[in-house]
C-alpha atoms as a PDB file:
ATOM      1  CA  MET A   1      48.476 105.002  50.778  1.00  0.00           C
ATOM      2  CA  LEU A   2      50.223 102.657  53.214  1.00  0.00           C
ATOM      3  CA  PRO A   3      49.228 103.229  56.862  1.00  0.00           C
ATOM      4  CA  LEU A   4      52.693 104.051  58.185  1.00  0.00           C
ATOM      5  CA  ARG A   5      52.874 105.526  61.651  1.00  0.00           C
ATOM      6  CA  LYS A   6      53.194 109.286  61.318  1.00  0.00           C
ATOM      7  CA  ASN A   7      56.479 109.518  63.249  1.00  0.00           C
ATOM      8  CA  ILE A   8      58.074 106.791  61.090  1.00  0.00           C
ATOM      9  CA  ALA A   9      56.968 108.451  57.855  1.00  0.00           C
ATOM     10  CA  GLU A  10      58.355 111.811  58.937  1.00  0.00           C
ATOM     11  CA  MET A  11      61.596 110.819  60.662  1.00  0.00           C
ATOM     12  CA  ALA A  12      65.051 110.723  59.089  1.00  0.00           C
ATOM     13  CA  GLY A  13      66.984 107.510  59.548  1.00  0.00           C
ATOM     14  CA  TYR A  14      70.381 107.323  61.205  1.00  0.00           C
ATOM     15  CA  VAL A  15      73.294 107.631  58.766  1.00  0.00           C
ATOM     16  CA  PRO A  16      76.255 105.427  59.760  1.00  0.00           C
ATOM     17  CA  GLY A  17      79.843 106.116  58.789  1.00  0.00           C
ATOM     18  CA  PHE A  18      80.651 105.809  55.080  1.00  0.00           C
ATOM     19  CA  GLN A  19      81.854 102.367  53.969  1.00  0.00           C
ATOM     20  CA  PRO A  20      84.146 102.725  50.936  1.00  0.00           C
ATOM     21  CA  ASP A  21      84.245 100.448  47.910  1.00  0.00           C
ATOM     22  CA  GLY A  22      87.498  99.261  46.412  1.00  0.00           C
ATOM     23  CA  GLU A  23      90.994  98.854  47.777  1.00  0.00           C
ATOM     24  CA  GLY A  24      93.630 101.245  49.025  1.00  0.00           C
ATOM     25  CA  TRP A  25      91.623 103.180  51.592  1.00  0.00           C
ATOM     26  CA  ILE A  26      92.839 104.030  55.074  1.00  0.00           C
ATOM     27  CA  LYS A  27      89.610 103.726  57.028  1.00  0.00           C
ATOM     28  CA  LEU A  28      89.591 105.925  60.125  1.00  0.00           C
ATOM     29  CA  ASN A  29      85.948 106.985  60.201  1.00  0.00           C
ATOM     30  CA  THR A  30      84.023 104.406  62.280  1.00  0.00           C
ATOM     31  CA  ASN A  31      86.320 103.734  65.263  1.00  0.00           C
ATOM     32  CA  GLU A  32      86.946 100.109  64.383  1.00  0.00           C
ATOM     33  CA  ASN A  33      89.859  98.336  66.009  1.00  0.00           C
ATOM     34  CA  PRO A  34      92.780  98.287  63.547  1.00  0.00           C
ATOM     35  CA  TYR A  35      94.001  94.960  64.942  1.00  0.00           C
ATOM     36  CA  PRO A  36      92.377  91.518  64.699  1.00  0.00           C
ATOM     37  CA  PRO A  37      90.499  89.933  67.603  1.00  0.00           C
ATOM     38  CA  SER A  38      92.131  87.537  70.033  1.00  0.00           C
ATOM     39  CA  PRO A  39      93.393  84.289  68.456  1.00  0.00           C
ATOM     40  CA  GLN A  40      91.261  82.541  71.073  1.00  0.00           C
ATOM     41  CA  VAL A  41      88.183  84.037  69.395  1.00  0.00           C
ATOM     42  CA  VAL A  42      89.182  82.672  66.004  1.00  0.00           C
ATOM     43  CA  ALA A  43      89.921  79.246  67.514  1.00  0.00           C
ATOM     44  CA  ALA A  44      86.563  79.189  69.314  1.00  0.00           C
ATOM     45  CA  ILE A  45      84.692  79.978  66.095  1.00  0.00           C
ATOM     46  CA  TRP A  46      86.456  77.197  64.185  1.00  0.00           C
ATOM     47  CA  GLU A  47      85.805  74.759  67.015  1.00  0.00           C
ATOM     48  CA  GLU A  48      82.123  75.632  67.007  1.00  0.00           C
ATOM     49  CA  LEU A  49      81.938  75.187  63.241  1.00  0.00           C
ATOM     50  CA  GLY A  50      83.643  71.797  63.330  1.00  0.00           C
ATOM     51  CA  ASP A  51      84.634  69.991  60.162  1.00  0.00           C
ATOM     52  CA  ASP A  52      81.311  70.365  58.378  1.00  0.00           C
ATOM     53  CA  GLY A  53      79.555  73.290  60.049  1.00  0.00           C
ATOM     54  CA  GLY A  54      76.891  70.918  61.319  1.00  0.00           C
ATOM     55  CA  ALA A  55      76.384  72.907  64.518  1.00  0.00           C
ATOM     56  CA  LEU A  56      74.830  75.717  62.490  1.00  0.00           C
ATOM     57  CA  ARG A  57      71.720  73.645  61.745  1.00  0.00           C
ATOM     58  CA  LYS A  58      70.682  74.027  65.405  1.00  0.00           C
ATOM     59  CA  TYR A  59      69.364  77.147  67.093  1.00  0.00           C
ATOM     60  CA  PRO A  60      71.760  78.901  69.491  1.00  0.00           C
ATOM     61  CA  ASP A  61      71.242  79.154  73.238  1.00  0.00           C
ATOM     62  CA  ALA A  62      68.428  81.700  73.506  1.00  0.00           C
ATOM     63  CA  GLY A  63      69.547  82.759  76.976  1.00  0.00           C
ATOM     64  CA  SER A  64      73.259  83.222  76.156  1.00  0.00           C
ATOM     65  CA  LYS A  65      73.949  81.446  79.457  1.00  0.00           C
ATOM     66  CA  GLU A  66      77.666  80.732  79.007  1.00  0.00           C
ATOM     67  CA  ALA A  67      78.507  84.195  77.683  1.00  0.00           C
ATOM     68  CA  ARG A  68      76.560  85.779  80.549  1.00  0.00           C
ATOM     69  CA  ARG A  69      78.387  83.586  83.041  1.00  0.00           C
ATOM     70  CA  VAL A  70      81.786  84.595  81.658  1.00  0.00           C
ATOM     71  CA  ALA A  71      80.876  88.288  81.641  1.00  0.00           C
ATOM     72  CA  ALA A  72      79.473  88.099  85.168  1.00  0.00           C
ATOM     73  CA  GLU A  73      82.651  86.466  86.450  1.00  0.00           C
ATOM     74  CA  LEU A  74      84.763  89.160  84.782  1.00  0.00           C
ATOM     75  CA  TYR A  75      82.701  92.019  86.210  1.00  0.00           C
ATOM     76  CA  GLY A  76      82.154  90.509  89.664  1.00  0.00           C
ATOM     77  CA  VAL A  77      78.374  90.190  89.553  1.00  0.00           C
ATOM     78  CA  ASP A  78      75.821  87.376  89.439  1.00  0.00           C
ATOM     79  CA  PRO A  79      74.788  86.317  85.894  1.00  0.00           C
ATOM     80  CA  SER A  80      71.301  87.665  86.607  1.00  0.00           C
ATOM     81  CA  TRP A  81      72.867  91.155  86.373  1.00  0.00           C
ATOM     82  CA  VAL A  82      74.099  90.619  82.786  1.00  0.00           C
ATOM     83  CA  ILE A  83      72.393  90.535  79.417  1.00  0.00           C
ATOM     84  CA  MET A  84      74.076  89.890  76.067  1.00  0.00           C
ATOM     85  CA  ALA A  85      72.940  91.674  72.926  1.00  0.00           C
ATOM     86  CA  ASN A  86      73.238  91.972  69.172  1.00  0.00           C
ATOM     87  CA  GLY A  87      75.501  94.997  69.509  1.00  0.00           C
ATOM     88  CA  SER A  88      74.944  97.594  72.205  1.00  0.00           C
ATOM     89  CA  ASP A  89      72.498  99.323  69.820  1.00  0.00           C
ATOM     90  CA  GLU A  90      69.994  96.535  70.556  1.00  0.00           C
ATOM     91  CA  LEU A  91      70.249  97.396  74.245  1.00  0.00           C
ATOM     92  CA  LEU A  92      69.757 101.120  73.653  1.00  0.00           C
ATOM     93  CA  ASN A  93      66.678 100.382  71.556  1.00  0.00           C
ATOM     94  CA  ASN A  94      65.183  97.956  74.062  1.00  0.00           C
ATOM     95  CA  LEU A  95      65.834 100.256  77.004  1.00  0.00           C
ATOM     96  CA  ILE A  96      63.696 102.915  75.320  1.00  0.00           C
ATOM     97  CA  ARG A  97      61.030 100.328  74.528  1.00  0.00           C
ATOM     98  CA  ALA A  98      61.054  99.146  78.149  1.00  0.00           C
ATOM     99  CA  PHE A  99      60.981 102.523  79.903  1.00  0.00           C
ATOM    100  CA  ALA A 100      59.659 105.255  77.598  1.00  0.00           C
ATOM    101  CA  ALA A 101      56.111 105.131  76.267  1.00  0.00           C
ATOM    102  CA  GLU A 102      54.927 107.238  73.350  1.00  0.00           C
ATOM    103  CA  GLY A 103      55.136 110.900  74.275  1.00  0.00           C
ATOM    104  CA  GLU A 104      57.417 110.360  77.261  1.00  0.00           C
ATOM    105  CA  GLU A 105      60.838 111.979  77.393  1.00  0.00           C
ATOM    106  CA  ILE A 106      64.361 110.658  77.055  1.00  0.00           C
ATOM    107  CA  ALA A 107      67.500 112.796  77.050  1.00  0.00           C
ATOM    108  CA  TYR A 108      71.134 112.703  76.078  1.00  0.00           C
ATOM    109  CA  ILE A 109      74.191 114.918  75.962  1.00  0.00           C
ATOM    110  CA  HIS A 110      74.872 116.939  72.821  1.00  0.00           C
ATOM    111  CA  PRO A 111      77.187 116.229  71.166  1.00  0.00           C
ATOM    112  CA  SER A 112      77.131 112.465  71.568  1.00  0.00           C
ATOM    113  CA  TYR A 113      75.687 109.427  69.798  1.00  0.00           C
ATOM    114  CA  SER A 114      72.884 110.813  67.618  1.00  0.00           C
ATOM    115  CA  TYR A 115      71.322 107.343  67.247  1.00  0.00           C
ATOM    116  CA  TYR A 116      69.649 107.897  70.635  1.00  0.00           C
ATOM    117  CA  ALA A 117      67.336 110.421  68.970  1.00  0.00           C
ATOM    118  CA  THR A 118      66.544 108.049  66.101  1.00  0.00           C
ATOM    119  CA  LEU A 119      65.602 105.271  68.511  1.00  0.00           C
ATOM    120  CA  ALA A 120      63.416 107.666  70.490  1.00  0.00           C
ATOM    121  CA  GLU A 121      61.625 108.781  67.317  1.00  0.00           C
ATOM    122  CA  ILE A 122      60.874 105.170  66.410  1.00  0.00           C
ATOM    123  CA  GLN A 123      59.239 104.683  69.789  1.00  0.00           C
ATOM    124  CA  GLY A 124      57.421 108.012  69.579  1.00  0.00           C
ATOM    125  CA  ALA A 125      59.233 109.338  72.649  1.00  0.00           C
ATOM    126  CA  THR A 126      60.256 112.967  72.912  1.00  0.00           C
ATOM    127  CA  VAL A 127      63.893 114.049  73.097  1.00  0.00           C
ATOM    128  CA  ARG A 128      65.701 116.599  75.230  1.00  0.00           C
ATOM    129  CA  THR A 129      69.403 117.399  75.010  1.00  0.00           C
ATOM    130  CA  PHE A 130      71.893 118.887  77.452  1.00  0.00           C
ATOM    131  CA  SER A 131      74.997 120.605  76.126  1.00  0.00           C
ATOM    132  CA  LEU A 132      78.565 119.440  76.611  1.00  0.00           C
ATOM    133  CA  SER A 133      81.489 121.808  76.099  1.00  0.00           C
ATOM    134  CA  ASP A 134      84.796 120.846  74.488  1.00  0.00           C
ATOM    135  CA  GLU A 135      86.259 121.076  77.997  1.00  0.00           C
ATOM    136  CA  GLY A 136      83.827 118.434  79.307  1.00  0.00           C
ATOM    137  CA  ARG A 137      81.449 120.731  81.198  1.00  0.00           C
ATOM    138  CA  ILE A 138      77.869 119.417  81.316  1.00  0.00           C
ATOM    139  CA  ASP A 139      74.794 121.638  81.344  1.00  0.00           C
ATOM    140  CA  PHE A 140      72.593 119.394  83.519  1.00  0.00           C
ATOM    141  CA  PRO A 141      69.766 120.311  85.911  1.00  0.00           C
ATOM    142  CA  GLU A 142      69.694 119.576  89.636  1.00  0.00           C
ATOM    143  CA  ARG A 143      66.875 117.128  88.950  1.00  0.00           C
ATOM    144  CA  TYR A 144      65.960 115.356  85.724  1.00  0.00           C
ATOM    145  CA  ASP A 145      62.567 113.643  85.631  1.00  0.00           C
ATOM    146  CA  GLY A 146      62.672 112.073  82.172  1.00  0.00           C
ATOM    147  CA  LYS A 147      62.409 108.314  81.746  1.00  0.00           C
ATOM    148  CA  LEU A 148      65.956 107.736  80.459  1.00  0.00           C
ATOM    149  CA  PHE A 149      69.148 109.738  80.275  1.00  0.00           C
ATOM    150  CA  PHE A 150      71.824 108.384  77.919  1.00  0.00           C
ATOM    151  CA  PHE A 151      75.319 109.429  78.924  1.00  0.00           C
ATOM    152  CA  THR A 152      78.239 108.427  76.694  1.00  0.00           C
ATOM    153  CA  SER A 153      81.550 108.046  78.522  1.00  0.00           C
ATOM    154  CA  PRO A 154      84.038 108.428  76.948  1.00  0.00           C
ATOM    155  CA  ASN A 155      82.063 110.865  74.873  1.00  0.00           C
ATOM    156  CA  ALA A 156      81.662 110.263  71.177  1.00  0.00           C
ATOM    157  CA  PRO A 157      82.849 112.134  69.175  1.00  0.00           C
ATOM    158  CA  LEU A 158      84.920 114.332  71.509  1.00  0.00           C
ATOM    159  CA  GLY A 159      86.704 111.586  73.466  1.00  0.00           C
ATOM    160  CA  CYS A 160      86.524 113.093  76.955  1.00  0.00           C
ATOM    161  CA  ALA A 161      85.669 110.671  79.777  1.00  0.00           C
ATOM    162  CA  PHE A 162      83.957 111.255  83.110  1.00  0.00           C
ATOM    163  CA  ASP A 163      84.984 109.963  86.514  1.00  0.00           C
ATOM    164  CA  ASN A 164      82.719 107.923  88.753  1.00  0.00           C
ATOM    165  CA  ASP A 165      82.065 110.836  91.088  1.00  0.00           C
ATOM    166  CA  THR A 166      80.456 112.677  88.167  1.00  0.00           C
ATOM    167  CA  ILE A 167      78.434 109.639  87.140  1.00  0.00           C
ATOM    168  CA  ALA A 168      77.290 108.968  90.711  1.00  0.00           C
ATOM    169  CA  ASP A 169      76.125 112.583  90.936  1.00  0.00           C
ATOM    170  CA  LEU A 170      74.152 112.196  87.695  1.00  0.00           C
ATOM    171  CA  ALA A 171      72.544 108.993  89.001  1.00  0.00           C
ATOM    172  CA  ARG A 172      71.365 110.861  92.082  1.00  0.00           C
ATOM    173  CA  ARG A 173      69.898 113.669  89.956  1.00  0.00           C
ATOM    174  CA  CYS A 174      67.965 111.317  87.653  1.00  0.00           C
ATOM    175  CA  SER A 175      64.546 110.136  88.805  1.00  0.00           C
ATOM    176  CA  GLY A 176      64.501 107.759  85.840  1.00  0.00           C
ATOM    177  CA  VAL A 177      67.199 105.477  84.461  1.00  0.00           C
ATOM    178  CA  LEU A 178      70.767 106.647  83.821  1.00  0.00           C
ATOM    179  CA  VAL A 179      72.283 104.654  80.962  1.00  0.00           C
ATOM    180  CA  VAL A 180      76.075 104.985  80.827  1.00  0.00           C
ATOM    181  CA  ASP A 181      77.090 104.022  77.311  1.00  0.00           C
ATOM    182  CA  GLU A 182      80.645 102.714  77.659  1.00  0.00           C
ATOM    183  CA  ALA A 183      81.200 101.731  74.043  1.00  0.00           C
ATOM    184  CA  TYR A 184      84.772 103.022  74.479  1.00  0.00           C
ATOM    185  CA  GLY A 185      85.096 102.199  78.163  1.00  0.00           C
ATOM    186  CA  ASP A 186      88.063  99.855  77.831  1.00  0.00           C
ATOM    187  CA  PHE A 187      90.206 102.751  76.615  1.00  0.00           C
ATOM    188  CA  ALA A 188      89.401 104.900  79.657  1.00  0.00           C
ATOM    189  CA  GLY A 189      90.867 104.869  83.139  1.00  0.00           C
ATOM    190  CA  GLU A 190      87.636 104.328  85.083  1.00  0.00           C
ATOM    191  CA  SER A 191      84.361 102.447  84.537  1.00  0.00           C
ATOM    192  CA  ALA A 192      80.866 102.983  85.899  1.00  0.00           C
ATOM    193  CA  LEU A 193      80.556  99.206  86.227  1.00  0.00           C
ATOM    194  CA  GLU A 194      81.845  99.764  89.757  1.00  0.00           C
ATOM    195  CA  LEU A 195      78.691 101.771  90.534  1.00  0.00           C
ATOM    196  CA  VAL A 196      75.946  99.519  89.168  1.00  0.00           C
ATOM    197  CA  GLN A 197      75.264  97.758  92.458  1.00  0.00           C
ATOM    198  CA  GLN A 198      75.195 101.079  94.345  1.00  0.00           C
ATOM    199  CA  PHE A 199      72.492 102.789  92.234  1.00  0.00           C
ATOM    200  CA  GLU A 200      69.297 100.989  91.315  1.00  0.00           C
ATOM    201  CA  ASN A 201      68.669 103.348  88.378  1.00  0.00           C
ATOM    202  CA  LEU A 202      72.063 102.790  86.707  1.00  0.00           C
ATOM    203  CA  VAL A 203      72.611 100.674  83.585  1.00  0.00           C
ATOM    204  CA  VAL A 204      76.015 100.285  81.879  1.00  0.00           C
ATOM    205  CA  THR A 205      76.155  99.180  78.236  1.00  0.00           C
ATOM    206  CA  ARG A 206      79.243  97.959  76.404  1.00  0.00           C
ATOM    207  CA  THR A 207      80.147  96.792  72.911  1.00  0.00           C
ATOM    208  CA  PHE A 208      82.628  94.284  71.514  1.00  0.00           C
ATOM    209  CA  SER A 209      83.023  96.341  68.316  1.00  0.00           C
ATOM    210  CA  LYS A 210      85.839  98.617  69.499  1.00  0.00           C
ATOM    211  CA  SER A 211      88.313  97.264  72.038  1.00  0.00           C
ATOM    212  CA  TYR A 212      87.678  93.577  71.233  1.00  0.00           C
ATOM    213  CA  GLY A 213      87.936  94.029  67.445  1.00  0.00           C
ATOM    214  CA  LEU A 214      84.578  92.341  66.762  1.00  0.00           C
ATOM    215  CA  ALA A 215      82.563  94.995  64.920  1.00  0.00           C
ATOM    216  CA  GLY A 216      81.692  92.380  62.302  1.00  0.00           C
ATOM    217  CA  MET A 217      80.149  90.088  64.938  1.00  0.00           C
ATOM    218  CA  ARG A 218      77.597  92.594  66.345  1.00  0.00           C
ATOM    219  CA  LEU A 219      78.018  91.891  70.055  1.00  0.00           C
ATOM    220  CA  GLY A 220      77.208  93.931  73.142  1.00  0.00           C
ATOM    221  CA  LEU A 221      76.214  93.529  76.756  1.00  0.00           C
ATOM    222  CA  ALA A 222      74.700  95.426  79.651  1.00  0.00           C
ATOM    223  CA  VAL A 223      75.131  95.197  83.395  1.00  0.00           C
ATOM    224  CA  ALA A 224      72.099  96.256  85.410  1.00  0.00           C
ATOM    225  CA  ARG A 225      69.870  95.215  88.274  1.00  0.00           C
ATOM    226  CA  PRO A 226      68.189  91.800  87.709  1.00  0.00           C
ATOM    227  CA  GLU A 227      64.730  93.348  87.311  1.00  0.00           C
ATOM    228  CA  VAL A 228      66.047  95.524  84.462  1.00  0.00           C
ATOM    229  CA  VAL A 229      67.763  92.542  82.839  1.00  0.00           C
ATOM    230  CA  ALA A 230      64.546  90.524  83.163  1.00  0.00           C
ATOM    231  CA  ALA A 231      62.585  93.290  81.453  1.00  0.00           C
ATOM    232  CA  LEU A 232      65.089  93.464  78.584  1.00  0.00           C
ATOM    233  CA  ASP A 233      64.908  89.673  78.272  1.00  0.00           C
ATOM    234  CA  LYS A 234      61.152  89.924  77.741  1.00  0.00           C
ATOM    235  CA  ILE A 235      61.387  92.206  74.717  1.00  0.00           C
ATOM    236  CA  ARG A 236      64.528  91.075  72.906  1.00  0.00           C
ATOM    237  CA  ASP A 237      64.346  88.725  69.933  1.00  0.00           C
ATOM    238  CA  HIS A 238      64.317  85.168  71.235  1.00  0.00           C
ATOM    239  CA  TYR A 239      67.366  83.997  69.219  1.00  0.00           C
ATOM    240  CA  HIS A 240      69.137  87.333  68.953  1.00  0.00           C
ATOM    241  CA  LEU A 241      72.734  86.017  68.960  1.00  0.00           C
ATOM    242  CA  ASP A 242      73.991  83.294  66.654  1.00  0.00           C
ATOM    243  CA  ARG A 243      76.156  80.367  67.759  1.00  0.00           C
ATOM    244  CA  LEU A 244      79.388  81.851  66.405  1.00  0.00           C
ATOM    245  CA  ALA A 245      78.785  85.208  68.076  1.00  0.00           C
ATOM    246  CA  LEU A 246      78.159  83.530  71.434  1.00  0.00           C
ATOM    247  CA  VAL A 247      81.400  81.564  71.436  1.00  0.00           C
ATOM    248  CA  ALA A 248      83.270  84.623  70.151  1.00  0.00           C
ATOM    249  CA  ALA A 249      81.919  86.687  73.050  1.00  0.00           C
ATOM    250  CA  SER A 250      82.987  84.158  75.675  1.00  0.00           C
ATOM    251  CA  ALA A 251      86.446  83.717  74.177  1.00  0.00           C
ATOM    252  CA  ALA A 252      87.027  87.471  73.868  1.00  0.00           C
ATOM    253  CA  LEU A 253      86.018  88.133  77.468  1.00  0.00           C
ATOM    254  CA  GLN A 254      88.259  85.336  78.729  1.00  0.00           C
ATOM    255  CA  ASP A 255      91.380  86.674  76.971  1.00  0.00           C
ATOM    256  CA  GLN A 256      91.905  89.842  78.990  1.00  0.00           C
ATOM    257  CA  ASP A 257      95.667  89.725  78.443  1.00  0.00           C
ATOM    258  CA  TYR A 258      95.150  90.165  74.703  1.00  0.00           C
ATOM    259  CA  LEU A 259      92.634  92.949  75.331  1.00  0.00           C
ATOM    260  CA  ARG A 260      95.046  94.861  77.566  1.00  0.00           C
ATOM    261  CA  THR A 261      97.874  94.502  75.042  1.00  0.00           C
ATOM    262  CA  THR A 262      95.734  95.716  72.142  1.00  0.00           C
ATOM    263  CA  VAL A 263      94.221  98.595  74.099  1.00  0.00           C
ATOM    264  CA  ALA A 264      97.667  99.732  75.266  1.00  0.00           C
ATOM    265  CA  ARG A 265      98.927  99.699  71.672  1.00  0.00           C
ATOM    266  CA  ILE A 266      95.979 101.788  70.444  1.00  0.00           C
ATOM    267  CA  CYS A 267      96.329 104.254  73.315  1.00  0.00           C
ATOM    268  CA  ARG A 268     100.032 104.633  72.572  1.00  0.00           C
ATOM    269  CA  ASN A 269      99.275 105.348  68.904  1.00  0.00           C
ATOM    270  CA  ARG A 270      96.579 107.823  69.987  1.00  0.00           C
ATOM    271  CA  ASP A 271      98.811 109.760  72.350  1.00  0.00           C
ATOM    272  CA  GLU A 272     101.693 109.908  69.874  1.00  0.00           C
ATOM    273  CA  MET A 273      99.327 111.125  67.150  1.00  0.00           C
ATOM    274  CA  ARG A 274      97.869 113.759  69.482  1.00  0.00           C
ATOM    275  CA  ASP A 275     101.291 115.149  70.377  1.00  0.00           C
ATOM    276  CA  LYS A 276     102.377 115.314  66.737  1.00  0.00           C
ATOM    277  CA  LEU A 277      99.167 117.024  65.641  1.00  0.00           C
ATOM    278  CA  ILE A 278      99.500 119.644  68.371  1.00  0.00           C
ATOM    279  CA  SER A 279     103.067 120.308  67.304  1.00  0.00           C
ATOM    280  CA  CYS A 280     101.763 120.869  63.763  1.00  0.00           C
ATOM    281  CA  GLY A 281      99.348 123.527  65.015  1.00  0.00           C
ATOM    282  CA  TYR A 282      96.093 121.587  65.348  1.00  0.00           C
ATOM    283  CA  GLN A 283      93.784 121.762  68.342  1.00  0.00           C
ATOM    284  CA  VAL A 284      93.159 118.288  69.779  1.00  0.00           C
ATOM    285  CA  ILE A 285      90.712 117.481  72.572  1.00  0.00           C
ATOM    286  CA  PRO A 286      92.254 115.151  75.219  1.00  0.00           C
ATOM    287  CA  SER A 287      90.813 111.715  74.514  1.00  0.00           C
ATOM    288  CA  GLN A 288      90.282 108.543  76.529  1.00  0.00           C
ATOM    289  CA  ALA A 289      88.833 106.696  73.551  1.00  0.00           C
ATOM    290  CA  ASN A 290      90.252 105.198  70.343  1.00  0.00           C
ATOM    291  CA  TYR A 291      89.859 108.413  68.348  1.00  0.00           C
ATOM    292  CA  LEU A 292      90.787 112.085  68.400  1.00  0.00           C
ATOM    293  CA  PHE A 293      88.677 115.129  67.650  1.00  0.00           C
ATOM    294  CA  VAL A 294      90.973 117.408  65.697  1.00  0.00           C
ATOM    295  CA  SER A 295      90.411 121.032  64.608  1.00  0.00           C
ATOM    296  CA  PRO A 296      92.514 123.198  62.268  1.00  0.00           C
ATOM    297  CA  SER A 297      93.154 126.802  63.214  1.00  0.00           C
ATOM    298  CA  ASP A 298      90.690 128.083  60.608  1.00  0.00           C
ATOM    299  CA  GLY A 299      87.865 125.983  62.085  1.00  0.00           C
ATOM    300  CA  ASN A 300      87.083 124.365  58.727  1.00  0.00           C
ATOM    301  CA  GLY A 301      86.677 120.658  59.365  1.00  0.00           C
ATOM    302  CA  LYS A 302      85.198 120.038  55.915  1.00  0.00           C
ATOM    303  CA  ARG A 303      88.415 121.272  54.296  1.00  0.00           C
ATOM    304  CA  ILE A 304      90.417 118.703  56.280  1.00  0.00           C
ATOM    305  CA  TYR A 305      87.944 115.938  55.502  1.00  0.00           C
ATOM    306  CA  ASP A 306      87.984 116.658  51.763  1.00  0.00           C
ATOM    307  CA  ALA A 307      91.781 116.838  51.587  1.00  0.00           C
ATOM    308  CA  LEU A 308      92.170 113.518  53.387  1.00  0.00           C
ATOM    309  CA  TYR A 309      89.434 111.937  51.266  1.00  0.00           C
ATOM    310  CA  ALA A 310      91.316 112.971  48.129  1.00  0.00           C
ATOM    311  CA  GLU A 311      94.229 110.871  49.436  1.00  0.00           C
ATOM    312  CA  LYS A 312      91.885 107.920  50.153  1.00  0.00           C
ATOM    313  CA  ILE A 313      91.985 108.511  53.906  1.00  0.00           C
ATOM    314  CA  LEU A 314      88.533 108.379  55.499  1.00  0.00           C
ATOM    315  CA  VAL A 315      87.812 110.287  58.714  1.00  0.00           C
ATOM    316  CA  ARG A 316      84.457 111.443  60.118  1.00  0.00           C
ATOM    317  CA  TYR A 317      83.123 114.917  59.464  1.00  0.00           C
ATOM    318  CA  PHE A 318      79.939 116.138  61.161  1.00  0.00           C
ATOM    319  CA  SER A 319      77.935 118.948  59.569  1.00  0.00           C
ATOM    320  CA  ASP A 320      76.377 119.767  62.944  1.00  0.00           C
ATOM    321  CA  PRO A 321      77.433 123.391  63.698  1.00  0.00           C
ATOM    322  CA  ARG A 322      78.621 122.237  67.117  1.00  0.00           C
ATOM    323  CA  LEU A 323      81.164 119.912  65.464  1.00  0.00           C
ATOM    324  CA  SER A 324      81.856 121.249  61.977  1.00  0.00           C
ATOM    325  CA  HIS A 325      85.058 122.989  63.080  1.00  0.00           C
ATOM    326  CA  GLY A 326      86.882 119.647  63.211  1.00  0.00           C
ATOM    327  CA  VAL A 327      86.996 115.990  62.273  1.00  0.00           C
ATOM    328  CA  ARG A 328      87.061 112.792  64.267  1.00  0.00           C
ATOM    329  CA  ILE A 329      89.998 110.531  63.449  1.00  0.00           C
ATOM    330  CA  SER A 330      89.890 106.889  64.511  1.00  0.00           C
ATOM    331  CA  ILE A 331      93.198 105.470  65.689  1.00  0.00           C
ATOM    332  CA  GLY A 332      94.622 103.003  63.214  1.00  0.00           C
ATOM    333  CA  THR A 333      97.881 101.119  62.943  1.00  0.00           C
ATOM    334  CA  GLU A 334     101.228 102.847  63.304  1.00  0.00           C
ATOM    335  CA  GLU A 335     101.580 102.905  59.509  1.00  0.00           C
ATOM    336  CA  GLU A 336      98.090 104.347  58.987  1.00  0.00           C
ATOM    337  CA  MET A 337      98.721 107.082  61.523  1.00  0.00           C
ATOM    338  CA  ALA A 338     102.006 108.012  59.886  1.00  0.00           C
ATOM    339  CA  ALA A 339     100.358 108.255  56.453  1.00  0.00           C
ATOM    340  CA  THR A 340      97.522 110.376  57.843  1.00  0.00           C
ATOM    341  CA  LEU A 341      99.866 112.697  59.695  1.00  0.00           C
ATOM    342  CA  LYS A 342     101.906 113.207  56.549  1.00  0.00           C
ATOM    343  CA  VAL A 343      98.843 114.594  54.755  1.00  0.00           C
ATOM    344  CA  LEU A 344      97.597 116.599  57.748  1.00  0.00           C
ATOM    345  CA  ALA A 345     100.985 118.292  58.143  1.00  0.00           C
ATOM    346  CA  THR A 346     100.566 119.818  54.666  1.00  0.00           C
ATOM    347  CA  LEU A 347      97.127 121.256  55.509  1.00  0.00           C
ATOM    348  CA  VAL A 348      97.990 123.521  58.437  1.00  0.00           C
END
């Protein structure tokens, strides 16, 4: 019998969104950007490769210095306040490793990103959840003494976002670290990045997978106090970002005009889709992300999922009783939204 740790042997792994085989699918289940990344990203990757790809024989910059510098300039902080990562999931994992020992508690809002619980189980930390209503009301105590509280804003999968007054209040109530997971922050009207220098216990994580269209690159970053960044630097893999990812990150961050144009296009598609779904009789939670949580009047989300799947349209269904009344629909291109709406209109 192999000597696996008991918690690893007993835990269930995280199940990511289904990746279909074959052609002809409309993929609206994992909140990917339907549009390509900035042309500056593509140009930077080709420049780094050169004619023969010779640069790839050398290790990348272990400290991600240039990407950190670019991010710090964009966010108005010193580079010592920024850390780059292999997707924001690496940051979430390392934050638990840095702050929560075995048996210590972390918490998150339910519903939100269930991977928090998986990461806690790996570490042997205990998990507590606080409920979130469809209307965005949070069941949170006056004082929370756990080591970490993960707060997704905009919320996944519901899409509601929280203003900085709410986040500042949560930071004051947390004796440990408040991690604001802004995976979808570029689609929202306000960012907790403005608060990081005001609250020593606040960390903001971001990903390049959604707004920047770089899910295939596995890039993320965090902004936090230098002592937090230094701790995360100690425990990350030493070459955790490859050379192509590093130049892609810098180029993406530097092309904010392209980001704003793409985000505006997605938000326009989202709002048009929301209005049309409501007119068809669906309930749709107001969203500040690149997806909508949509419920039919009979509260049978699985029926909607199955009907769309039969037409090769993938959305996300959650069997969790808190979410099973609806489906989450990522925002795709104008053509993909029209095709999806055509099917949904027949299912009311």
